[in-house]
Amino acid sequence: SLSCELHLGKNGVCYFGDEVRGHVLSHAFTLKDAQ
C-alpha cells in the first residue's frame, strides 16, 4: 500500500511511495495534437 500520494491537478508533479519500497516522483503533462 502507498503511505502517501500527492497530485496537484491534471498537469504537474506526482509523488508517491513508502519507506520500504521507495518513492516515485514524476511529472505529468499534456500535449496538443497538431491536427
Protein backbone atom coordinates (compact mmCIF):
# COMPACT_ATOMS: atom_id res chain seq x y z
CA SER A 1 0.00 0.00 0.00
CA LEU A 2 1.03 3.60 -0.50
CA SER A 3 1.90 5.64 2.54
CA CYS A 4 1.28 8.96 0.81
CA GLU A 5 0.23 10.41 -2.51
CA LEU A 6 0.22 13.95 -3.84
CA HIS A 7 -1.05 15.03 -7.24
CA LEU A 8 -1.84 18.66 -7.98
CA GLY A 9 -4.31 18.71 -10.85
CA LYS A 10 -4.18 17.29 -14.38
CA ASN A 11 -0.65 18.54 -15.06
CA GLY A 12 2.27 18.75 -12.69
CA VAL A 13 4.22 16.73 -10.19
CA CYS A 14 3.01 13.40 -8.81
CA TYR A 15 4.78 11.87 -5.79
CA PHE A 16 4.07 8.57 -4.06
CA GLY A 17 5.83 5.77 -2.25
CA ASP A 18 6.78 4.27 1.09
CA GLU A 19 9.88 3.77 3.22
CA VAL A 20 10.27 0.07 2.31
CA ARG A 21 9.75 0.02 -1.48
CA GLY A 22 10.99 3.51 -2.24
CA HIS A 23 9.48 6.64 -3.71
CA VAL A 24 8.46 7.82 -7.18
CA LEU A 25 8.47 11.40 -8.42
CA SER A 26 7.03 12.02 -11.89
CA HIS A 27 5.88 15.00 -13.94
CA ALA A 28 2.61 14.67 -15.87
CA PHE A 29 1.83 16.95 -18.81
CA THR A 30 -0.39 17.17 -21.89
CA LEU A 31 0.46 17.90 -25.49
CA LYS A 32 -1.89 19.43 -28.04
CA ASP A 33 -2.49 17.37 -31.17
CA ALA A 34 -1.03 19.04 -34.26
CA GLN A 35 -4.12 18.15 -36.33
